[in-house]
Amino acid sequence: MRIIPIASGKGGVGKSLVSANLGVAFAQVGQRVVLADLDLGASNLHLVLGHHAPQMGIGTYLNKTKSNFSDVIAETNIRGLRFIPGDNEIPGTANLSITQRKSLVKQLLDLKDNTDILILDLGAGTHQSILDFFLLSNQGIVVSAPSVTAVLNAYVFLKNTVFRLMFNSFAKGSPARNYLEKIRKDGSGGHHKLYIPKMLPEIKKLDPASHEKFIKRLETLNPRLIMNMVDEPKNADVAMKIRRSCEEYLDLKIEHMGIIYRDIIQDTALASRLPVTLYKPQSLLSQAIYRIADKILQSPADDYSPDDKQIEDSFQEAEMEAEIDFDSKMEYVEELLHSGAMKKGDLLETIKSQQLEISKLRKEINLIRLKLSRAIQQGYKV
């Protein structure tokens, strides 16, 4: 069973859109798919999927209202696709106890006998539960948008994933674990000033065995990136910033699965209670989903670790796809204008909304610049 956790680090970047439509795409090519909504307390994946409001879900099972996990697995109208609602019985993943988490993981892993692909739509943020679910696979997907805050949050999510992996690799009471605990007590502020390459020599000196265990696990970690809500090709370039930061500060290599352009057709599909891949399979958004799904299916299973050339190729391929899709997007707009399906007023409204988005991004950039300036003045490393 191939496990695909999908995270974002920040809400509002289309994570559930990607999760639901990848599930549809996999099912359409004959894969037996289970789509699990693990955004507990804020579950809305059923809306994107077009599924009826769930009567019970994971929260029902964890609260022991239902003793059998199979009772919360729902069939969908899409052949080969089953759905596990999250429901809202639990205020959030932060409330999951260790016992609940272990029980849920066991039930999910037990699906392997009749499931080819298990998609985990995770909650936003970097809570310990979310990181542990993400680490159930070496090939988790991080969805980001081009905005400054989304990119920063994607990097922060990956950084916390690496630190969680490090923490899990060090046995309690070991010199390496004590080293991490000391850093935490000294006030590292969530590791924001700590870089893995600088820490590893010290850990190796203190605890060679733990160091070796962590390095082996890090080398097999192969997170993947999807850039969503892209408006133009240059927006896709921010993926390189995430890649460089991961390699320089985390010793982590990420693979680029591709870009998805912002498309108003998603809103129409949502109102129609259909995944966009069913509502309009020929749309630019749907074709991007199918392309990403195909890449995932063509890649080896969980023990796959791409080399430097494969990673470089993935970014170059995503860049070319961004250019090609943008040309298709412009051709489509011209066709709509010429056919009368889109009025000039609609185009002006679209441009106006994009200008508002640009204005918002500028404010975010200015705020971050101000914070950086203050940090530099206070002598912090940035």
Protein backbone atom coordinates (compact mmCIF):
# COMPACT_ATOMS: atom_id res chain seq x y z
CA MET A 1 0.00 0.00 0.00
CA ARG A 2 1.38 3.38 -1.00
CA ILE A 3 0.77 6.01 1.69
CA ILE A 4 0.56 9.65 0.55
CA PRO A 5 0.26 12.19 3.38
CA ILE A 6 -0.61 15.66 2.09
CA ALA A 7 0.23 18.67 4.27
CA SER A 8 0.55 22.42 3.86
CA GLY A 9 1.85 24.06 7.01
CA LYS A 10 -0.75 26.77 6.32
CA GLY A 11 -4.45 26.71 5.55
CA GLY A 12 -6.00 28.15 2.42
CA VAL A 13 -3.51 26.83 -0.13
CA GLY A 14 -5.77 24.18 -1.67
CA LYS A 15 -4.50 21.11 0.17
CA SER A 16 -7.93 19.44 0.27
CA LEU A 17 -8.45 20.26 -3.42
CA VAL A 18 -5.24 18.38 -4.24
CA SER A 19 -6.07 15.48 -1.92
CA ALA A 20 -9.60 14.88 -3.21
CA ASN A 21 -8.76 15.19 -6.89
CA LEU A 22 -5.64 13.02 -6.65
CA GLY A 23 -7.88 10.40 -5.05
CA VAL A 24 -10.25 10.61 -8.01
CA ALA A 25 -7.39 10.49 -10.52
CA PHE A 26 -5.90 7.36 -8.94
CA ALA A 27 -9.29 5.62 -8.76
CA GLN A 28 -9.98 6.39 -12.42
CA VAL A 29 -6.94 4.35 -13.49
CA GLY A 30 -7.98 1.32 -11.46
CA GLN A 31 -6.26 1.92 -8.13
CA ARG A 32 -8.09 1.00 -4.93
CA VAL A 33 -7.98 4.29 -3.04
CA VAL A 34 -8.86 5.31 0.51
CA LEU A 35 -9.02 9.04 1.19
CA ALA A 36 -8.81 9.91 4.89
CA ASP A 37 -9.65 13.34 6.29
CA LEU A 38 -7.19 13.80 9.17
CA ASP A 39 -7.88 17.51 9.53
CA LEU A 40 -9.75 16.68 12.72
CA GLY A 41 -11.90 19.43 14.12
CA ALA A 42 -11.93 21.32 10.80
CA SER A 43 -12.99 18.57 8.45
CA ASN A 44 -14.28 19.78 5.10
CA LEU A 45 -12.81 17.31 2.63
CA HIS A 46 -16.27 15.87 1.98
CA LEU A 47 -17.29 19.21 0.44
CA VAL A 48 -14.48 19.09 -2.15
CA LEU A 49 -15.20 15.43 -2.79
CA GLY A 50 -18.91 16.10 -3.24
CA HIS A 51 -19.74 13.56 -0.55
CA HIS A 52 -22.82 13.95 1.63
CA ALA A 53 -22.33 15.37 5.12
CA PRO A 54 -20.84 12.53 7.20
CA GLN A 55 -22.91 11.09 10.03
CA MET A 56 -19.79 9.68 11.67
CA GLY A 57 -16.06 9.67 11.11
CA ILE A 58 -12.67 9.28 12.75
CA GLY A 59 -13.79 11.27 15.78
CA THR A 60 -16.69 8.85 16.23
CA TYR A 61 -14.28 5.91 16.28
CA LEU A 62 -11.78 7.56 18.63
CA ASN A 63 -14.53 8.52 21.06
CA LYS A 64 -15.57 4.84 21.09
CA THR A 65 -19.07 5.62 19.87
CA LYS A 66 -18.34 3.00 17.21
CA SER A 67 -16.04 0.12 18.04
CA ASN A 68 -15.34 -0.99 14.47
CA PHE A 69 -13.17 1.23 12.32
CA SER A 70 -14.79 -0.21 9.19
CA ASP A 71 -18.04 1.50 10.21
CA VAL A 72 -16.58 4.93 9.49
CA ILE A 73 -15.24 4.03 6.03
CA ALA A 74 -17.76 5.25 3.47
CA GLU A 75 -18.23 4.22 -0.13
CA THR A 76 -18.35 7.05 -2.68
CA ASN A 77 -20.01 7.39 -6.07
CA ILE A 78 -16.56 7.03 -7.64
CA ARG A 79 -15.62 3.45 -8.37
CA GLY A 80 -12.53 2.38 -6.42
CA LEU A 81 -12.57 5.35 -4.04
CA ARG A 82 -13.53 5.04 -0.37
CA PHE A 83 -13.63 7.91 2.08
CA ILE A 84 -12.95 8.25 5.81
CA PRO A 85 -14.51 11.50 7.13
CA GLY A 86 -12.79 13.33 9.94
CA ASP A 87 -15.96 14.84 11.45
CA ASN A 88 -15.87 17.50 14.14
CA GLU A 89 -16.17 15.48 17.32
CA ILE A 90 -12.57 16.34 18.23
CA PRO A 91 -11.71 20.05 18.47
CA GLY A 92 -8.35 19.46 16.78
CA THR A 93 -5.44 17.11 16.29
CA ALA A 94 -3.72 18.69 19.30
CA ASN A 95 -6.19 16.78 21.48
CA LEU A 96 -5.19 13.34 20.22
CA SER A 97 -3.60 11.31 22.97
CA ILE A 98 -0.68 8.99 22.22
CA THR A 99 -3.03 6.02 22.66
CA GLN A 100 -5.56 7.48 20.20
CA ARG A 101 -2.84 8.26 17.69
CA LYS A 102 -1.39 4.75 17.85
CA SER A 103 -4.84 3.22 17.52
CA LEU A 104 -5.64 5.34 14.47
CA VAL A 105 -2.30 4.58 12.81
CA LYS A 106 -2.83 0.85 13.36
CA GLN A 107 -6.29 0.96 11.79
CA LEU A 108 -5.02 2.91 8.79
CA LEU A 109 -2.09 0.54 8.22
CA ASP A 110 -4.44 -2.45 8.49
CA LEU A 111 -6.17 -1.25 5.30
CA LYS A 112 -3.20 -2.53 3.25
CA ASP A 113 -4.84 -5.83 2.24
CA ASN A 114 -7.53 -4.17 0.11
CA THR A 115 -6.04 -0.75 -0.60
CA ASP A 116 -3.46 0.31 -3.18
CA ILE A 117 -3.19 3.98 -2.19
CA LEU A 118 -3.98 5.64 1.13
CA ILE A 119 -4.19 9.44 0.95
CA LEU A 120 -4.00 11.31 4.27
CA ASP A 121 -5.35 14.87 4.10
CA LEU A 122 -3.60 16.38 7.12
CA GLY A 123 -4.52 19.42 9.14
CA ALA A 124 -2.68 22.71 8.72
CA GLY A 125 0.19 23.52 11.03
CA THR A 126 3.08 21.62 12.58
CA HIS A 127 1.57 19.89 15.58
CA GLN A 128 3.32 16.70 16.67
CA SER A 129 0.37 14.54 15.53
CA ILE A 130 0.46 16.05 12.04
CA LEU A 131 4.22 15.52 11.75
CA ASP A 132 3.92 11.90 12.87
CA PHE A 133 1.20 11.21 10.30
CA PHE A 134 3.34 12.89 7.64
CA LEU A 135 6.27 10.63 8.58
CA LEU A 136 4.19 7.50 8.01
CA SER A 137 5.59 7.76 4.48
CA ASN A 138 8.93 8.90 3.11
CA GLN A 139 7.11 10.51 0.18
CA GLY A 140 4.73 12.96 1.80
CA ILE A 141 3.52 15.92 -0.26
CA VAL A 142 3.66 19.55 0.87
CA VAL A 143 1.27 21.91 -0.93
CA SER A 144 2.20 25.58 -1.08
CA ALA A 145 0.99 28.71 -2.84
CA PRO A 146 3.36 31.40 -4.20
CA SER A 147 2.58 33.91 -1.43
CA VAL A 148 5.39 34.77 0.97
CA THR A 149 3.57 33.43 4.03
CA ALA A 150 2.63 30.16 2.29
CA VAL A 151 6.22 29.58 1.17
CA LEU A 152 7.59 30.34 4.64
CA ASN A 153 5.07 28.01 6.23
CA ALA A 154 5.92 25.22 3.77
CA TYR A 155 9.59 25.53 4.73
CA VAL A 156 8.75 25.69 8.46
CA PHE A 157 6.67 22.54 8.08
CA LEU A 158 9.56 20.68 6.43
CA LYS A 159 11.98 21.98 9.06
CA ASN A 160 9.77 20.73 11.88
CA THR A 161 9.40 17.41 10.08
CA VAL A 162 13.19 16.97 10.06
CA PHE A 163 13.45 17.89 13.75
CA ARG A 164 10.64 15.47 14.56
CA LEU A 165 12.48 12.75 12.64
CA MET A 166 15.61 13.58 14.62
CA PHE A 167 13.74 13.42 17.92
CA ASN A 168 12.23 10.04 16.99
CA SER A 169 15.66 8.70 16.00
CA PHE A 170 17.22 9.40 19.39
CA ALA A 171 16.35 7.03 22.24
CA LYS A 172 15.18 8.56 25.49
CA GLY A 173 18.15 9.17 27.79
CA SER A 174 20.71 8.95 24.97
CA PRO A 175 23.38 11.69 24.71
CA ALA A 176 21.82 12.86 21.43
CA ARG A 177 18.33 13.15 22.98
CA ASN A 178 19.77 14.97 25.99
CA TYR A 179 21.49 17.38 23.60
CA LEU A 180 18.16 18.15 21.90
CA GLU A 181 16.39 18.55 25.23
CA LYS A 182 19.08 20.96 26.44
CA ILE A 183 18.67 23.07 23.30
CA ARG A 184 14.93 23.17 23.88
CA LYS A 185 15.32 24.22 27.52
CA ASP A 186 17.85 26.87 26.55
CA GLY A 187 15.09 28.57 24.56
CA SER A 188 15.70 27.74 20.92
CA GLY A 189 12.28 29.15 20.09
CA GLY A 190 11.19 26.08 18.15
CA HIS A 191 14.54 25.52 16.42
CA HIS A 192 14.18 28.67 14.30
CA LYS A 193 17.87 29.59 14.71
CA LEU A 194 19.20 26.02 14.44
CA TYR A 195 20.54 24.54 11.23
CA ILE A 196 20.89 20.79 10.85
CA PRO A 197 24.33 20.91 9.15
CA LYS A 198 25.71 22.84 12.14
CA MET A 199 24.18 20.48 14.69
CA LEU A 200 25.20 17.16 13.13
CA PRO A 201 28.98 17.34 13.91
CA GLU A 202 28.20 17.95 17.59
CA ILE A 203 25.66 15.09 17.67
CA LYS A 204 28.14 12.77 15.94
CA LYS A 205 30.77 13.60 18.54
CA LEU A 206 28.37 13.06 21.46
CA ASP A 207 26.52 10.00 20.16
CA PRO A 208 27.84 8.32 16.96
CA ALA A 209 25.21 5.55 17.01
CA SER A 210 22.27 7.95 17.21
CA HIS A 211 23.88 10.15 14.57
CA GLU A 212 24.18 7.22 12.17
CA LYS A 213 20.56 6.17 12.77
CA PHE A 214 19.28 9.67 12.04
CA ILE A 215 21.39 10.07 8.89
CA LYS A 216 20.05 6.80 7.48
CA ARG A 217 16.47 7.88 8.12
CA LEU A 218 17.05 11.36 6.71
CA GLU A 219 18.55 9.93 3.53
CA THR A 220 15.35 7.98 2.88
CA LEU A 221 13.07 10.96 3.53
CA ASN A 222 11.84 12.20 0.15
CA PRO A 223 9.21 14.92 0.60
CA ARG A 224 7.58 16.30 -2.52
CA LEU A 225 6.36 19.77 -3.37
CA ILE A 226 3.29 20.98 -5.28
CA MET A 227 2.90 24.68 -6.05
CA ASN A 228 -0.80 25.54 -6.18
CA MET A 229 -2.70 28.75 -6.98
CA VAL A 230 -0.06 29.89 -9.47
CA ASP A 231 -1.05 32.90 -11.62
CA GLU A 232 1.93 33.15 -13.97
CA PRO A 233 5.18 31.25 -14.64
CA LYS A 234 7.38 33.46 -12.49
CA ASN A 235 5.18 32.58 -9.46
CA ALA A 236 6.42 29.01 -9.81
CA ASP A 237 10.02 30.15 -9.27
CA VAL A 238 9.48 30.39 -5.52
CA ALA A 239 9.74 26.60 -5.38
CA MET A 240 13.49 27.05 -5.84
CA LYS A 241 13.61 29.13 -2.65
CA ILE A 242 12.10 26.26 -0.67
CA ARG A 243 14.52 23.83 -2.30
CA ARG A 244 17.61 25.94 -1.54
CA SER A 245 16.56 26.54 2.06
CA CYS A 246 15.93 22.84 2.63
CA GLU A 247 19.29 21.84 1.20
CA GLU A 248 21.28 24.57 2.95
CA TYR A 249 19.67 24.53 6.40
CA LEU A 250 18.13 21.05 6.71
CA ASP A 251 20.33 18.76 4.62
CA LEU A 252 17.03 17.78 3.01
CA LYS A 253 16.34 17.18 -0.68
CA ILE A 254 12.85 17.76 -2.03
CA GLU A 255 11.33 16.74 -5.32
CA HIS A 256 9.04 19.00 -7.37
CA MET A 257 5.86 17.28 -8.54
CA GLY A 258 4.53 20.25 -10.50
CA ILE A 259 2.41 23.40 -10.52
CA ILE A 260 -1.33 24.02 -10.56
CA TYR A 261 -2.65 27.30 -11.92
CA ARG A 262 -5.40 29.17 -10.13
CA ASP A 263 -8.66 28.34 -11.90
CA ILE A 264 -12.11 29.76 -11.13
CA ILE A 265 -13.59 26.50 -12.44
CA GLN A 266 -12.84 25.01 -9.01
CA ASP A 267 -15.42 27.32 -7.40
CA THR A 268 -18.03 26.22 -9.93
CA ALA A 269 -17.16 22.55 -9.36
CA LEU A 270 -17.43 23.04 -5.58
CA ALA A 271 -20.87 24.63 -5.96
CA SER A 272 -21.89 21.67 -8.12
CA ARG A 273 -20.65 19.25 -5.41
CA LEU A 274 -18.23 17.55 -7.75
CA PRO A 275 -14.43 17.23 -7.73
CA VAL A 276 -13.10 19.35 -10.57
CA THR A 277 -11.55 16.26 -12.21
CA LEU A 278 -15.12 14.98 -12.65
CA TYR A 279 -16.80 18.33 -13.30
CA LYS A 280 -14.39 19.35 -16.06
CA PRO A 281 -11.64 16.77 -16.69
CA GLN A 282 -10.22 18.76 -19.62
CA SER A 283 -9.68 21.92 -17.58
CA LEU A 284 -6.15 23.16 -16.96
CA LEU A 285 -6.52 22.40 -13.25
CA SER A 286 -7.68 18.83 -13.85
CA GLN A 287 -4.92 18.16 -16.36
CA ALA A 288 -2.33 19.35 -13.83
CA ILE A 289 -3.77 16.94 -11.24
CA TYR A 290 -3.66 14.05 -13.73
CA ARG A 291 -0.06 14.90 -14.61
CA ILE A 292 0.98 14.86 -10.94
CA ALA A 293 -0.92 11.61 -10.31
CA ASP A 294 0.87 10.01 -13.24
CA LYS A 295 4.27 11.07 -11.89
CA ILE A 296 3.45 9.54 -8.51
CA LEU A 297 2.29 6.26 -10.03
CA GLN A 298 5.38 6.05 -12.23
CA SER A 299 7.77 6.54 -9.31
CA PRO A 300 8.87 3.57 -7.19
CA ALA A 301 7.26 2.93 -3.84
CA ASP A 302 8.25 4.14 -0.38
CA ASP A 303 11.94 3.18 -0.44
CA TYR A 304 12.65 5.43 -3.43
CA SER A 305 15.27 8.17 -2.98
CA PRO A 306 15.95 10.35 -6.05
CA ASP A 307 19.51 11.38 -6.80
CA ASP A 308 20.63 14.96 -7.46
CA LYS A 309 20.01 14.71 -11.21
CA GLN A 310 16.46 13.41 -10.73
CA ILE A 311 15.70 16.25 -8.33
CA GLU A 312 17.14 18.82 -10.72
CA ASP A 313 15.15 17.28 -13.57
CA SER A 314 11.94 17.49 -11.52
CA PHE A 315 12.39 21.25 -11.04
CA GLN A 316 13.25 21.83 -14.69
CA GLU A 317 10.24 19.79 -15.78
CA ALA A 318 7.95 21.77 -13.46
CA GLU A 319 9.35 25.00 -14.91
CA MET A 320 8.60 23.89 -18.46
CA GLU A 321 5.12 22.74 -17.48
CA ALA A 322 4.46 26.17 -15.96
CA GLU A 323 5.34 27.84 -19.28
CA ILE A 324 3.24 25.42 -21.35
CA ASP A 325 0.22 25.65 -19.06
CA PHE A 326 0.40 29.44 -19.02
CA ASP A 327 0.27 29.53 -22.83
CA SER A 328 -2.75 27.21 -22.72
CA LYS A 329 -4.36 29.44 -20.10
CA MET A 330 -3.93 32.53 -22.26
CA GLU A 331 -5.30 30.76 -25.32
CA TYR A 332 -8.32 29.68 -23.30
CA VAL A 333 -8.99 33.27 -22.13
CA GLU A 334 -8.76 34.50 -25.74
CA GLU A 335 -11.22 31.83 -26.86
CA LEU A 336 -13.68 32.82 -24.13
CA LEU A 337 -13.44 36.48 -25.11
CA HIS A 338 -13.88 35.80 -28.82
CA SER A 339 -16.77 33.40 -28.27
CA GLY A 340 -18.56 35.81 -25.96
CA ALA A 341 -18.52 33.35 -23.06
CA MET A 342 -16.38 35.83 -21.13
CA LYS A 343 -17.12 39.54 -21.26
CA LYS A 344 -14.48 42.22 -20.98
CA GLY A 345 -16.01 43.12 -17.63
CA ASP A 346 -15.27 39.59 -16.37
CA LEU A 347 -11.66 39.94 -17.45
CA LEU A 348 -11.37 43.33 -15.77
CA GLU A 349 -12.84 41.87 -12.58
CA THR A 350 -10.28 39.06 -12.69
CA ILE A 351 -7.44 41.55 -13.16
CA LYS A 352 -8.78 43.66 -10.31
CA SER A 353 -8.85 40.66 -7.94
CA GLN A 354 -5.29 39.79 -8.93
CA GLN A 355 -4.20 43.37 -8.23
CA LEU A 356 -5.73 43.08 -4.75
CA GLU A 357 -3.79 39.83 -4.24
CA ILE A 358 -0.58 41.55 -5.36
CA SER A 359 -1.25 44.40 -2.94
CA LYS A 360 -1.74 41.90 -0.14
CA LEU A 361 1.52 40.15 -1.01
CA ARG A 362 3.39 43.46 -0.98
CA LYS A 363 2.11 44.17 2.53
CA GLU A 364 3.24 40.69 3.64
CA ILE A 365 6.69 41.29 2.13
CA ASN A 366 7.00 44.66 3.85
CA LEU A 367 6.00 43.11 7.18
CA ILE A 368 8.61 40.35 6.82
CA ARG A 369 11.26 42.91 5.85
CA LEU A 370 10.43 44.88 9.00
CA LYS A 371 10.77 41.74 11.14
CA LEU A 372 14.07 40.84 9.49
CA SER A 373 15.38 44.35 10.04
CA ARG A 374 14.48 44.21 13.71
CA ALA A 375 16.05 40.77 14.08
CA ILE A 376 19.29 41.99 12.49
CA GLN A 377 19.36 45.01 14.79
CA GLN A 378 18.97 42.71 17.80
CA GLY A 379 21.89 40.60 16.61
CA TYR A 380 19.96 37.44 15.71
CA LYS A 381 21.08 35.16 12.93
CA VAL A 382 18.71 35.23 9.98
